């Protein structure tokens, strides 16, 4: 007999917001966001270019991924972002407006059957699109809960056709200092580089994001393609990806190059392992005055903890 176990982070169906209520709220929030942009920086919340994939949103909700807390208000999430390519402060929505989203190509390189470049719209339309509700935990001890749209990273790996000898997938963002003012800061090791093991990249939770709140992804979130790995600190979820390279060598990632003692390769969430300069035991919920306890693996341990079994000597929680 097949027995389905309920993940620890999943709330009962009876407590979930009814779909028609959520969709009505989505329409309301969309109108609210459109009216509020003039108050907080012009057209900062929307791409100036028309998105050729806009007809794919809202994507169908995957009901296997639900939340134990309310969805963060769209205005709060859209106005508070890390995107070092455009500056080191949080209010970078205006600066990120300089990001040019089309044309945009994504390359698949390294240990693959055939290296190639693919137009972003071709890639997105080749994938099974869905919406997932995920928590996101920043290493700076703040958090949000958002409805990402996109596709499972396992689908992208399948599309790339890596060789069986590949052990890691390395991701890089664009490199264009004329467009992105933050990339003029030469003390940073541009382009932004991140990496996952193949086991992490093909885990059910690893998600390639192309939209949020039922719409194409705004620029400050890392349009047109970013990563979401909700059991890791937010800096692992690289934005505006242009390159996937499959390799048998572990990469040295962006923040690892800057300060490996504080930002390691694994970066799994753990409330018991403090950052060098602050506790990770609790987190500030974006848009509220609440602090809540942080959960191991951000509450997704049942889905990912087994990946790290037997990894003696590895610093998994930094």
C-alpha atoms as a PDB file:
ATOM      1  CA  UNK A   1       0.000   0.000   0.000  1.00  0.00           C
ATOM      2  CA  UNK A   2       1.349   3.444  -0.956  1.00  0.00           C
ATOM      3  CA  UNK A   3       1.426   5.815   2.000  1.00  0.00           C
ATOM      4  CA  UNK A   4       1.993   9.484   1.212  1.00  0.00           C
ATOM      5  CA  UNK A   5       3.829  11.390   3.927  1.00  0.00           C
ATOM      6  CA  UNK A   6       3.134  15.099   4.384  1.00  0.00           C
ATOM      7  CA  UNK A   7       6.227  17.378   4.400  1.00  0.00           C
ATOM      8  CA  UNK A   8       6.793  19.229   7.672  1.00  0.00           C
ATOM      9  CA  UNK A   9       6.418  22.604   5.958  1.00  0.00           C
ATOM     10  CA  UNK A  10       3.079  21.817   4.290  1.00  0.00           C
ATOM     11  CA  UNK A  11      -0.099  23.137   5.887  1.00  0.00           C
ATOM     12  CA  UNK A  12      -3.420  21.269   5.704  1.00  0.00           C
ATOM     13  CA  UNK A  13      -5.556  21.823   2.587  1.00  0.00           C
ATOM     14  CA  UNK A  14      -8.357  23.253   4.749  1.00  0.00           C
ATOM     15  CA  UNK A  15      -6.059  26.120   5.822  1.00  0.00           C
ATOM     16  CA  UNK A  16      -4.897  27.037   2.326  1.00  0.00           C
ATOM     17  CA  UNK A  17      -6.274  30.185   0.706  1.00  0.00           C
ATOM     18  CA  UNK A  18      -9.008  29.204  -1.806  1.00  0.00           C
ATOM     19  CA  UNK A  19      -7.817  29.625  -5.371  1.00  0.00           C
ATOM     20  CA  UNK A  20     -10.525  32.116  -6.357  1.00  0.00           C
ATOM     21  CA  UNK A  21      -9.603  34.328  -3.384  1.00  0.00           C
ATOM     22  CA  UNK A  22      -5.923  34.211  -4.309  1.00  0.00           C
ATOM     23  CA  UNK A  23      -6.634  35.025  -7.964  1.00  0.00           C
ATOM     24  CA  UNK A  24      -8.853  37.960  -7.000  1.00  0.00           C
ATOM     25  CA  UNK A  25      -6.129  39.183  -4.671  1.00  0.00           C
ATOM     26  CA  UNK A  26      -3.585  38.770  -7.488  1.00  0.00           C
ATOM     27  CA  UNK A  27      -5.680  41.031  -9.736  1.00  0.00           C
ATOM     28  CA  UNK A  28      -6.008  43.557  -6.928  1.00  0.00           C
ATOM     29  CA  UNK A  29      -2.284  43.530  -6.195  1.00  0.00           C
ATOM     30  CA  UNK A  30      -1.488  43.945  -9.870  1.00  0.00           C
ATOM     31  CA  UNK A  31      -3.633  47.073 -10.017  1.00  0.00           C
ATOM     32  CA  UNK A  32      -2.167  48.322  -6.746  1.00  0.00           C
ATOM     33  CA  UNK A  33       1.389  47.843  -7.991  1.00  0.00           C
ATOM     34  CA  UNK A  34       0.619  49.713 -11.197  1.00  0.00           C
ATOM     35  CA  UNK A  35      -0.786  52.630  -9.224  1.00  0.00           C
ATOM     36  CA  UNK A  36       2.045  52.712  -6.713  1.00  0.00           C
ATOM     37  CA  UNK A  37       5.016  52.838  -9.063  1.00  0.00           C
ATOM     38  CA  UNK A  38       4.872  56.603  -9.346  1.00  0.00           C
ATOM     39  CA  UNK A  39       5.234  56.826  -5.570  1.00  0.00           C
ATOM     40  CA  UNK A  40       8.335  54.657  -5.340  1.00  0.00           C
ATOM     41  CA  UNK A  41      10.373  55.343  -8.403  1.00  0.00           C
ATOM     42  CA  UNK A  42       8.563  55.541 -11.731  1.00  0.00           C
ATOM     43  CA  UNK A  43       8.499  52.348 -13.792  1.00  0.00           C
ATOM     44  CA  UNK A  44      10.765  50.409 -11.426  1.00  0.00           C
ATOM     45  CA  UNK A  45       8.422  47.448 -11.008  1.00  0.00           C
ATOM     46  CA  UNK A  46       7.988  46.470 -14.634  1.00  0.00           C
ATOM     47  CA  UNK A  47      10.222  45.733 -17.584  1.00  0.00           C
ATOM     48  CA  UNK A  48      10.053  48.511 -20.179  1.00  0.00           C
ATOM     49  CA  UNK A  49      10.256  45.987 -22.987  1.00  0.00           C
ATOM     50  CA  UNK A  50       7.262  43.848 -23.845  1.00  0.00           C
ATOM     51  CA  UNK A  51       7.871  40.267 -22.699  1.00  0.00           C
ATOM     52  CA  UNK A  52       7.342  37.762 -25.550  1.00  0.00           C
ATOM     53  CA  UNK A  53       6.376  35.065 -23.030  1.00  0.00           C
ATOM     54  CA  UNK A  54       3.781  37.117 -21.144  1.00  0.00           C
ATOM     55  CA  UNK A  55       1.004  34.845 -22.402  1.00  0.00           C
ATOM     56  CA  UNK A  56       2.384  32.016 -20.228  1.00  0.00           C
ATOM     57  CA  UNK A  57       1.374  33.779 -16.990  1.00  0.00           C
ATOM     58  CA  UNK A  58      -0.164  33.128 -14.589  1.00  0.00           C
ATOM     59  CA  UNK A  59       1.271  29.621 -14.760  1.00  0.00           C
ATOM     60  CA  UNK A  60      -0.682  26.691 -13.284  1.00  0.00           C
ATOM     61  CA  UNK A  61      -0.156  26.355  -9.526  1.00  0.00           C
ATOM     62  CA  UNK A  62       1.655  23.231  -8.377  1.00  0.00           C
ATOM     63  CA  UNK A  63      -0.321  22.381  -5.241  1.00  0.00           C
ATOM     64  CA  UNK A  64       2.501  20.278  -3.816  1.00  0.00           C
ATOM     65  CA  UNK A  65       4.282  23.491  -2.814  1.00  0.00           C
ATOM     66  CA  UNK A  66       2.424  25.534  -0.228  1.00  0.00           C
ATOM     67  CA  UNK A  67       3.369  27.821   2.645  1.00  0.00           C
ATOM     68  CA  UNK A  68       3.163  27.939   6.420  1.00  0.00           C
ATOM     69  CA  UNK A  69       2.884  31.742   6.348  1.00  0.00           C
ATOM     70  CA  UNK A  70       1.178  34.452   4.255  1.00  0.00           C
ATOM     71  CA  UNK A  71       2.595  35.396   0.873  1.00  0.00           C
ATOM     72  CA  UNK A  72       4.731  38.542   1.118  1.00  0.00           C
ATOM     73  CA  UNK A  73       2.977  41.575  -0.315  1.00  0.00           C
ATOM     74  CA  UNK A  74       4.117  42.231  -3.875  1.00  0.00           C
ATOM     75  CA  UNK A  75       5.123  45.831  -3.191  1.00  0.00           C
ATOM     76  CA  UNK A  76       7.303  44.792  -0.250  1.00  0.00           C
ATOM     77  CA  UNK A  77       9.076  42.073  -2.212  1.00  0.00           C
ATOM     78  CA  UNK A  78       9.564  44.244  -5.297  1.00  0.00           C
ATOM     79  CA  UNK A  79      11.078  47.172  -3.415  1.00  0.00           C
ATOM     80  CA  UNK A  80      13.663  45.281  -1.317  1.00  0.00           C
ATOM     81  CA  UNK A  81      16.215  43.358  -3.359  1.00  0.00           C
ATOM     82  CA  UNK A  82      19.848  42.331  -3.479  1.00  0.00           C
ATOM     83  CA  UNK A  83      21.306  42.717  -6.980  1.00  0.00           C
ATOM     84  CA  UNK A  84      24.973  43.698  -6.666  1.00  0.00           C
ATOM     85  CA  UNK A  85      25.317  44.183 -10.395  1.00  0.00           C
ATOM     86  CA  UNK A  86      23.318  47.390  -9.893  1.00  0.00           C
ATOM     87  CA  UNK A  87      24.466  48.403  -6.399  1.00  0.00           C
ATOM     88  CA  UNK A  88      25.038  47.151  -2.883  1.00  0.00           C
ATOM     89  CA  UNK A  89      21.908  48.723  -1.350  1.00  0.00           C
ATOM     90  CA  UNK A  90      18.448  47.140  -1.209  1.00  0.00           C
ATOM     91  CA  UNK A  91      16.435  49.763  -3.125  1.00  0.00           C
ATOM     92  CA  UNK A  92      17.884  48.936  -6.528  1.00  0.00           C
ATOM     93  CA  UNK A  93      14.661  48.620  -8.542  1.00  0.00           C
ATOM     94  CA  UNK A  94      15.290  51.902 -10.368  1.00  0.00           C
ATOM     95  CA  UNK A  95      18.922  51.056 -11.159  1.00  0.00           C
ATOM     96  CA  UNK A  96      17.926  47.580 -12.360  1.00  0.00           C
ATOM     97  CA  UNK A  97      15.687  49.259 -14.920  1.00  0.00           C
ATOM     98  CA  UNK A  98      18.837  49.552 -17.076  1.00  0.00           C
ATOM     99  CA  UNK A  99      18.882  45.770 -17.550  1.00  0.00           C
ATOM    100  CA  UNK A 100      18.166  44.967 -21.201  1.00  0.00           C
ATOM    101  CA  UNK A 101      16.193  41.712 -21.400  1.00  0.00           C
ATOM    102  CA  UNK A 102      16.044  41.094 -25.158  1.00  0.00           C
ATOM    103  CA  UNK A 103      17.871  39.760 -27.025  1.00  0.00           C
ATOM    104  CA  UNK A 104      19.002  37.259 -24.350  1.00  0.00           C
ATOM    105  CA  UNK A 105      20.726  33.965 -24.969  1.00  0.00           C
ATOM    106  CA  UNK A 106      21.616  31.138 -22.602  1.00  0.00           C
ATOM    107  CA  UNK A 107      24.577  28.871 -23.267  1.00  0.00           C
ATOM    108  CA  UNK A 108      25.102  25.232 -22.284  1.00  0.00           C
ATOM    109  CA  UNK A 109      28.789  24.401 -22.102  1.00  0.00           C
ATOM    110  CA  UNK A 110      31.383  21.995 -20.796  1.00  0.00           C
ATOM    111  CA  UNK A 111      30.570  18.355 -20.226  1.00  0.00           C
ATOM    112  CA  UNK A 112      27.449  18.149 -22.388  1.00  0.00           C
ATOM    113  CA  UNK A 113      26.634  16.105 -25.469  1.00  0.00           C
ATOM    114  CA  UNK A 114      26.770  19.263 -27.580  1.00  0.00           C
ATOM    115  CA  UNK A 115      27.541  22.827 -26.572  1.00  0.00           C
ATOM    116  CA  UNK A 116      24.947  25.317 -27.787  1.00  0.00           C
ATOM    117  CA  UNK A 117      23.289  28.685 -27.286  1.00  0.00           C
ATOM    118  CA  UNK A 118      19.530  29.046 -26.962  1.00  0.00           C
ATOM    119  CA  UNK A 119      17.306  32.101 -27.154  1.00  0.00           C
ATOM    120  CA  UNK A 120      15.614  32.697 -23.791  1.00  0.00           C
ATOM    121  CA  UNK A 121      12.103  32.665 -25.242  1.00  0.00           C
ATOM    122  CA  UNK A 122      12.773  29.390 -27.041  1.00  0.00           C
ATOM    123  CA  UNK A 123      14.062  27.904 -23.778  1.00  0.00           C
ATOM    124  CA  UNK A 124      11.108  29.072 -21.697  1.00  0.00           C
ATOM    125  CA  UNK A 125       8.544  27.785 -24.187  1.00  0.00           C
ATOM    126  CA  UNK A 126      10.268  24.397 -24.258  1.00  0.00           C
ATOM    127  CA  UNK A 127       9.690  23.934 -20.520  1.00  0.00           C
ATOM    128  CA  UNK A 128       6.671  22.791 -18.465  1.00  0.00           C
ATOM    129  CA  UNK A 129       5.749  26.024 -16.684  1.00  0.00           C
ATOM    130  CA  UNK A 130       4.246  26.078 -13.201  1.00  0.00           C
ATOM    131  CA  UNK A 131       3.913  28.252 -10.122  1.00  0.00           C
ATOM    132  CA  UNK A 132       5.320  27.305  -6.718  1.00  0.00           C
ATOM    133  CA  UNK A 133       4.968  28.974  -3.334  1.00  0.00           C
ATOM    134  CA  UNK A 134       8.406  29.087  -1.690  1.00  0.00           C
ATOM    135  CA  UNK A 135       9.996  30.670   1.324  1.00  0.00           C
ATOM    136  CA  UNK A 136      13.259  32.545   0.731  1.00  0.00           C
ATOM    137  CA  UNK A 137      15.776  33.075   3.542  1.00  0.00           C
ATOM    138  CA  UNK A 138      18.533  35.667   3.084  1.00  0.00           C
ATOM    139  CA  UNK A 139      21.874  35.179   4.813  1.00  0.00           C
ATOM    140  CA  UNK A 140      21.284  38.653   6.281  1.00  0.00           C
ATOM    141  CA  UNK A 141      18.495  37.140   8.449  1.00  0.00           C
ATOM    142  CA  UNK A 142      15.438  38.443   6.615  1.00  0.00           C
ATOM    143  CA  UNK A 143      12.940  36.346   4.725  1.00  0.00           C
ATOM    144  CA  UNK A 144       9.978  36.464   2.366  1.00  0.00           C
ATOM    145  CA  UNK A 145       7.431  34.048   0.897  1.00  0.00           C
ATOM    146  CA  UNK A 146       6.596  34.425  -2.785  1.00  0.00           C
ATOM    147  CA  UNK A 147       4.826  32.728  -5.707  1.00  0.00           C
ATOM    148  CA  UNK A 148       7.615  31.967  -8.189  1.00  0.00           C
ATOM    149  CA  UNK A 149       6.755  30.924 -11.747  1.00  0.00           C
ATOM    150  CA  UNK A 150       9.100  28.848 -13.882  1.00  0.00           C
ATOM    151  CA  UNK A 151      10.159  25.241 -14.255  1.00  0.00           C
ATOM    152  CA  UNK A 152      12.049  22.544 -12.382  1.00  0.00           C
ATOM    153  CA  UNK A 153      15.804  22.789 -12.774  1.00  0.00           C
ATOM    154  CA  UNK A 154      15.802  19.045 -13.420  1.00  0.00           C
ATOM    155  CA  UNK A 155      14.000  19.839 -16.685  1.00  0.00           C
ATOM    156  CA  UNK A 156      16.741  22.273 -17.655  1.00  0.00           C
ATOM    157  CA  UNK A 157      19.415  19.671 -16.871  1.00  0.00           C
ATOM    158  CA  UNK A 158      17.585  17.175 -19.061  1.00  0.00           C
ATOM    159  CA  UNK A 159      17.416  19.799 -21.837  1.00  0.00           C
ATOM    160  CA  UNK A 160      21.169  20.484 -21.555  1.00  0.00           C
ATOM    161  CA  UNK A 161      22.059  16.760 -21.887  1.00  0.00           C
ATOM    162  CA  UNK A 162      25.116  16.637 -19.603  1.00  0.00           C
ATOM    163  CA  UNK A 163      27.542  13.739 -19.680  1.00  0.00           C
ATOM    164  CA  UNK A 164      27.309  11.200 -16.875  1.00  0.00           C
ATOM    165  CA  UNK A 165      30.755  12.297 -15.706  1.00  0.00           C
ATOM    166  CA  UNK A 166      29.532  15.835 -14.882  1.00  0.00           C
ATOM    167  CA  UNK A 167      29.428  16.448 -11.130  1.00  0.00           C
ATOM    168  CA  UNK A 168      28.575  20.155 -10.923  1.00  0.00           C
ATOM    169  CA  UNK A 169      26.655  22.795 -12.839  1.00  0.00           C
ATOM    170  CA  UNK A 170      28.239  26.250 -12.807  1.00  0.00           C
ATOM    171  CA  UNK A 171      26.033  29.271 -13.501  1.00  0.00           C
ATOM    172  CA  UNK A 172      27.045  32.803 -14.439  1.00  0.00           C
ATOM    173  CA  UNK A 173      25.204  36.050 -14.890  1.00  0.00           C
ATOM    174  CA  UNK A 174      25.771  38.591 -17.662  1.00  0.00           C
ATOM    175  CA  UNK A 175      28.886  40.787 -17.802  1.00  0.00           C
ATOM    176  CA  UNK A 176      28.237  44.308 -19.065  1.00  0.00           C
ATOM    177  CA  UNK A 177      29.590  47.162 -16.957  1.00  0.00           C
ATOM    178  CA  UNK A 178      28.131  49.748 -19.353  1.00  0.00           C
ATOM    179  CA  UNK A 179      24.661  48.456 -18.548  1.00  0.00           C
ATOM    180  CA  UNK A 180      25.164  47.421 -14.915  1.00  0.00           C
ATOM    181  CA  UNK A 181      26.882  50.131 -12.891  1.00  0.00           C
ATOM    182  CA  UNK A 182      27.774  47.769 -10.038  1.00  0.00           C
ATOM    183  CA  UNK A 183      30.047  45.806 -12.354  1.00  0.00           C
ATOM    184  CA  UNK A 184      32.330  48.829 -12.548  1.00  0.00           C
ATOM    185  CA  UNK A 185      33.410  47.971  -9.006  1.00  0.00           C
ATOM    186  CA  UNK A 186      36.535  46.047  -9.905  1.00  0.00           C
ATOM    187  CA  UNK A 187      37.088  44.633  -6.413  1.00  0.00           C
ATOM    188  CA  UNK A 188      34.227  42.189  -7.055  1.00  0.00           C
ATOM    189  CA  UNK A 189      35.012  39.013  -9.053  1.00  0.00           C
ATOM    190  CA  UNK A 190      32.553  39.553 -11.922  1.00  0.00           C
ATOM    191  CA  UNK A 191      30.634  37.890 -13.430  1.00  0.00           C
ATOM    192  CA  UNK A 192      28.561  36.564 -10.548  1.00  0.00           C
ATOM    193  CA  UNK A 193      29.204  32.826 -10.391  1.00  0.00           C
ATOM    194  CA  UNK A 194      27.329  30.120  -8.526  1.00  0.00           C
ATOM    195  CA  UNK A 195      27.297  26.350  -8.564  1.00  0.00           C
ATOM    196  CA  UNK A 196      25.372  23.278  -7.466  1.00  0.00           C
ATOM    197  CA  UNK A 197      26.148  19.605  -7.424  1.00  0.00           C
ATOM    198  CA  UNK A 198      24.194  17.534  -9.908  1.00  0.00           C
ATOM    199  CA  UNK A 199      22.274  16.016  -6.988  1.00  0.00           C
ATOM    200  CA  UNK A 200      21.231  19.500  -5.841  1.00  0.00           C
ATOM    201  CA  UNK A 201      20.409  20.704  -9.356  1.00  0.00           C
ATOM    202  CA  UNK A 202      18.129  17.728  -9.996  1.00  0.00           C
ATOM    203  CA  UNK A 203      16.447  17.780  -6.583  1.00  0.00           C
ATOM    204  CA  UNK A 204      12.701  18.376  -6.835  1.00  0.00           C
ATOM    205  CA  UNK A 205      12.979  21.775  -5.092  1.00  0.00           C
ATOM    206  CA  UNK A 206      15.594  23.373  -7.378  1.00  0.00           C
ATOM    207  CA  UNK A 207      13.620  25.769  -9.563  1.00  0.00           C
ATOM    208  CA  UNK A 208      14.392  28.023 -12.528  1.00  0.00           C
ATOM    209  CA  UNK A 209      12.413  31.218 -12.110  1.00  0.00           C
ATOM    210  CA  UNK A 210      10.998  33.291 -14.960  1.00  0.00           C
ATOM    211  CA  UNK A 211       8.080  35.005 -13.226  1.00  0.00           C
ATOM    212  CA  UNK A 212       6.579  36.074  -9.920  1.00  0.00           C
ATOM    213  CA  UNK A 213       3.108  37.089  -8.694  1.00  0.00           C
ATOM    214  CA  UNK A 214       1.579  35.672 -11.850  1.00  0.00           C
ATOM    215  CA  UNK A 215       3.616  37.858 -14.218  1.00  0.00           C
ATOM    216  CA  UNK A 216       6.978  37.789 -15.997  1.00  0.00           C
ATOM    217  CA  UNK A 217       9.880  38.421 -13.622  1.00  0.00           C
ATOM    218  CA  UNK A 218      10.633  42.132 -13.015  1.00  0.00           C
ATOM    219  CA  UNK A 219      14.217  43.177 -13.588  1.00  0.00           C
ATOM    220  CA  UNK A 220      15.191  43.688  -9.938  1.00  0.00           C
ATOM    221  CA  UNK A 221      14.380  40.023  -9.199  1.00  0.00           C
ATOM    222  CA  UNK A 222      16.920  38.813 -11.786  1.00  0.00           C
ATOM    223  CA  UNK A 223      14.983  38.654 -15.047  1.00  0.00           C
ATOM    224  CA  UNK A 224      14.685  36.923 -17.388  1.00  0.00           C
ATOM    225  CA  UNK A 225      16.033  33.756 -15.700  1.00  0.00           C
ATOM    226  CA  UNK A 226      17.158  33.153 -12.128  1.00  0.00           C
ATOM    227  CA  UNK A 227      17.531  30.272  -9.716  1.00  0.00           C
ATOM    228  CA  UNK A 228      15.545  29.481  -6.564  1.00  0.00           C
ATOM    229  CA  UNK A 229      16.986  26.918  -4.140  1.00  0.00           C
ATOM    230  CA  UNK A 230      14.824  27.532  -1.056  1.00  0.00           C
ATOM    231  CA  UNK A 231      16.796  25.393   1.389  1.00  0.00           C
ATOM    232  CA  UNK A 232      19.898  27.569   0.885  1.00  0.00           C
ATOM    233  CA  UNK A 233      20.665  31.179   1.745  1.00  0.00           C
ATOM    234  CA  UNK A 234      19.486  33.619  -0.885  1.00  0.00           C
ATOM    235  CA  UNK A 235      22.899  34.466  -2.335  1.00  0.00           C
ATOM    236  CA  UNK A 236      22.991  30.974  -3.894  1.00  0.00           C
ATOM    237  CA  UNK A 237      19.960  31.872  -6.051  1.00  0.00           C
ATOM    238  CA  UNK A 238      21.862  33.555  -8.875  1.00  0.00           C
ATOM    239  CA  UNK A 239      20.069  36.153 -11.004  1.00  0.00           C
ATOM    240  CA  UNK A 240      19.962  36.961 -14.735  1.00  0.00           C
ATOM    241  CA  UNK A 241      21.702  33.778 -15.856  1.00  0.00           C
ATOM    242  CA  UNK A 242      23.382  33.561 -19.271  1.00  0.00           C
ATOM    243  CA  UNK A 243      25.608  30.496 -18.869  1.00  0.00           C
ATOM    244  CA  UNK A 244      25.360  26.931 -17.568  1.00  0.00           C
ATOM    245  CA  UNK A 245      28.594  24.958 -17.578  1.00  0.00           C
ATOM    246  CA  UNK A 246      28.716  21.295 -16.583  1.00  0.00           C
ATOM    247  CA  UNK A 247      31.994  20.147 -15.069  1.00  0.00           C
ATOM    248  CA  UNK A 248      33.658  17.599 -12.820  1.00  0.00           C
ATOM    249  CA  UNK A 249      35.443  20.335 -10.828  1.00  0.00           C
ATOM    250  CA  UNK A 250      33.811  22.206  -7.981  1.00  0.00           C
ATOM    251  CA  UNK A 251      33.681  25.933  -8.764  1.00  0.00           C
ATOM    252  CA  UNK A 252      34.724  28.737  -6.446  1.00  0.00           C
ATOM    253  CA  UNK A 253      31.622  30.886  -6.244  1.00  0.00           C
ATOM    254  CA  UNK A 254      31.260  34.689  -6.166  1.00  0.00           C
ATOM    255  CA  UNK A 255      30.899  35.247  -2.420  1.00  0.00           C
ATOM    256  CA  UNK A 256      33.249  32.383  -1.649  1.00  0.00           C
ATOM    257  CA  UNK A 257      35.983  34.272  -3.514  1.00  0.00           C
ATOM    258  CA  UNK A 258      35.256  37.423  -1.530  1.00  0.00           C
ATOM    259  CA  UNK A 259      34.986  35.912   1.970  1.00  0.00           C
ATOM    260  CA  UNK A 260      35.017  32.137   2.174  1.00  0.00           C
ATOM    261  CA  UNK A 261      35.001  32.216   5.978  1.00  0.00           C
ATOM    262  CA  UNK A 262      31.491  33.711   5.893  1.00  0.00           C
ATOM    263  CA  UNK A 263      29.983  32.540   2.589  1.00  0.00           C
ATOM    264  CA  UNK A 264      30.767  28.969   1.636  1.00  0.00           C
ATOM    265  CA  UNK A 265      29.920  26.790  -1.318  1.00  0.00           C
ATOM    266  CA  UNK A 266      27.068  24.904   0.379  1.00  0.00           C
ATOM    267  CA  UNK A 267      25.255  27.731   2.220  1.00  0.00           C
ATOM    268  CA  UNK A 268      22.467  25.533   3.612  1.00  0.00           C
ATOM    269  CA  UNK A 269      20.217  27.267   6.147  1.00  0.00           C
ATOM    270  CA  UNK A 270      20.820  26.272   9.749  1.00  0.00           C
ATOM    271  CA  UNK A 271      19.593  28.317  12.744  1.00  0.00           C
ATOM    272  CA  UNK A 272      22.225  26.772  15.027  1.00  0.00           C
ATOM    273  CA  UNK A 273      25.200  27.957  12.958  1.00  0.00           C
ATOM    274  CA  UNK A 274      25.635  31.689  13.370  1.00  0.00           C
ATOM    275  CA  UNK A 275      27.108  34.007  10.802  1.00  0.00           C
ATOM    276  CA  UNK A 276      30.408  35.566  11.795  1.00  0.00           C
ATOM    277  CA  UNK A 277      28.596  38.829  12.622  1.00  0.00           C
ATOM    278  CA  UNK A 278      25.038  37.874  13.610  1.00  0.00           C
ATOM    279  CA  UNK A 279      22.811  35.050  14.787  1.00  0.00           C
ATOM    280  CA  UNK A 280      20.879  32.926  12.298  1.00  0.00           C
ATOM    281  CA  UNK A 281      18.427  31.643  14.925  1.00  0.00           C
ATOM    282  CA  UNK A 282      15.601  33.969  13.817  1.00  0.00           C
ATOM    283  CA  UNK A 283      14.644  35.974  10.742  1.00  0.00           C
ATOM    284  CA  UNK A 284      12.795  39.227  10.071  1.00  0.00           C
ATOM    285  CA  UNK A 285       9.768  38.636   7.848  1.00  0.00           C
ATOM    286  CA  UNK A 286       9.801  41.209   5.055  1.00  0.00           C
ATOM    287  CA  UNK A 287       6.941  43.692   5.214  1.00  0.00           C
ATOM    288  CA  UNK A 288       6.170  42.967   8.880  1.00  0.00           C
ATOM    289  CA  UNK A 289       7.616  43.733  12.292  1.00  0.00           C
ATOM    290  CA  UNK A 290       7.787  40.038  13.153  1.00  0.00           C
ATOM    291  CA  UNK A 291      10.786  37.859  13.819  1.00  0.00           C
ATOM    292  CA  UNK A 292      10.208  34.130  13.546  1.00  0.00           C
ATOM    293  CA  UNK A 293      12.393  31.115  14.307  1.00  0.00           C
ATOM    294  CA  UNK A 294      14.543  29.917  11.416  1.00  0.00           C
ATOM    295  CA  UNK A 295      14.148  26.257  10.471  1.00  0.00           C
ATOM    296  CA  UNK A 296      16.940  23.854   9.461  1.00  0.00           C
ATOM    297  CA  UNK A 297      17.211  23.830   5.660  1.00  0.00           C
ATOM    298  CA  UNK A 298      14.620  26.629   5.813  1.00  0.00           C
ATOM    299  CA  UNK A 299      12.013  23.972   6.579  1.00  0.00           C
ATOM    300  CA  UNK A 300      12.760  21.805   3.530  1.00  0.00           C
ATOM    301  CA  UNK A 301      14.932  19.206   5.236  1.00  0.00           C
ATOM    302  CA  UNK A 302      12.720  16.251   4.349  1.00  0.00           C
ATOM    303  CA  UNK A 303      13.353  16.941   0.678  1.00  0.00           C
ATOM    304  CA  UNK A 304      17.081  17.748   0.750  1.00  0.00           C
ATOM    305  CA  UNK A 305      18.882  16.578   3.897  1.00  0.00           C
ATOM    306  CA  UNK A 306      19.716  13.191   2.411  1.00  0.00           C
ATOM    307  CA  UNK A 307      21.800  14.882  -0.303  1.00  0.00           C
ATOM    308  CA  UNK A 308      24.415  15.647   2.336  1.00  0.00           C
ATOM    309  CA  UNK A 309      24.582  12.296   4.091  1.00  0.00           C
ATOM    310  CA  UNK A 310      28.150  11.186   4.699  1.00  0.00           C
ATOM    311  CA  UNK A 311      29.801  14.481   3.718  1.00  0.00           C
ATOM    312  CA  UNK A 312      32.348  14.487   6.509  1.00  0.00           C
ATOM    313  CA  UNK A 313      34.651  17.477   6.642  1.00  0.00           C
ATOM    314  CA  UNK A 314      32.358  19.702   4.560  1.00  0.00           C
ATOM    315  CA  UNK A 315      31.076  22.941   6.079  1.00  0.00           C
ATOM    316  CA  UNK A 316      27.460  22.609   4.982  1.00  0.00           C
ATOM    317  CA  UNK A 317      25.851  25.510   6.835  1.00  0.00           C
ATOM    318  CA  UNK A 318      27.688  28.649   5.772  1.00  0.00           C
END
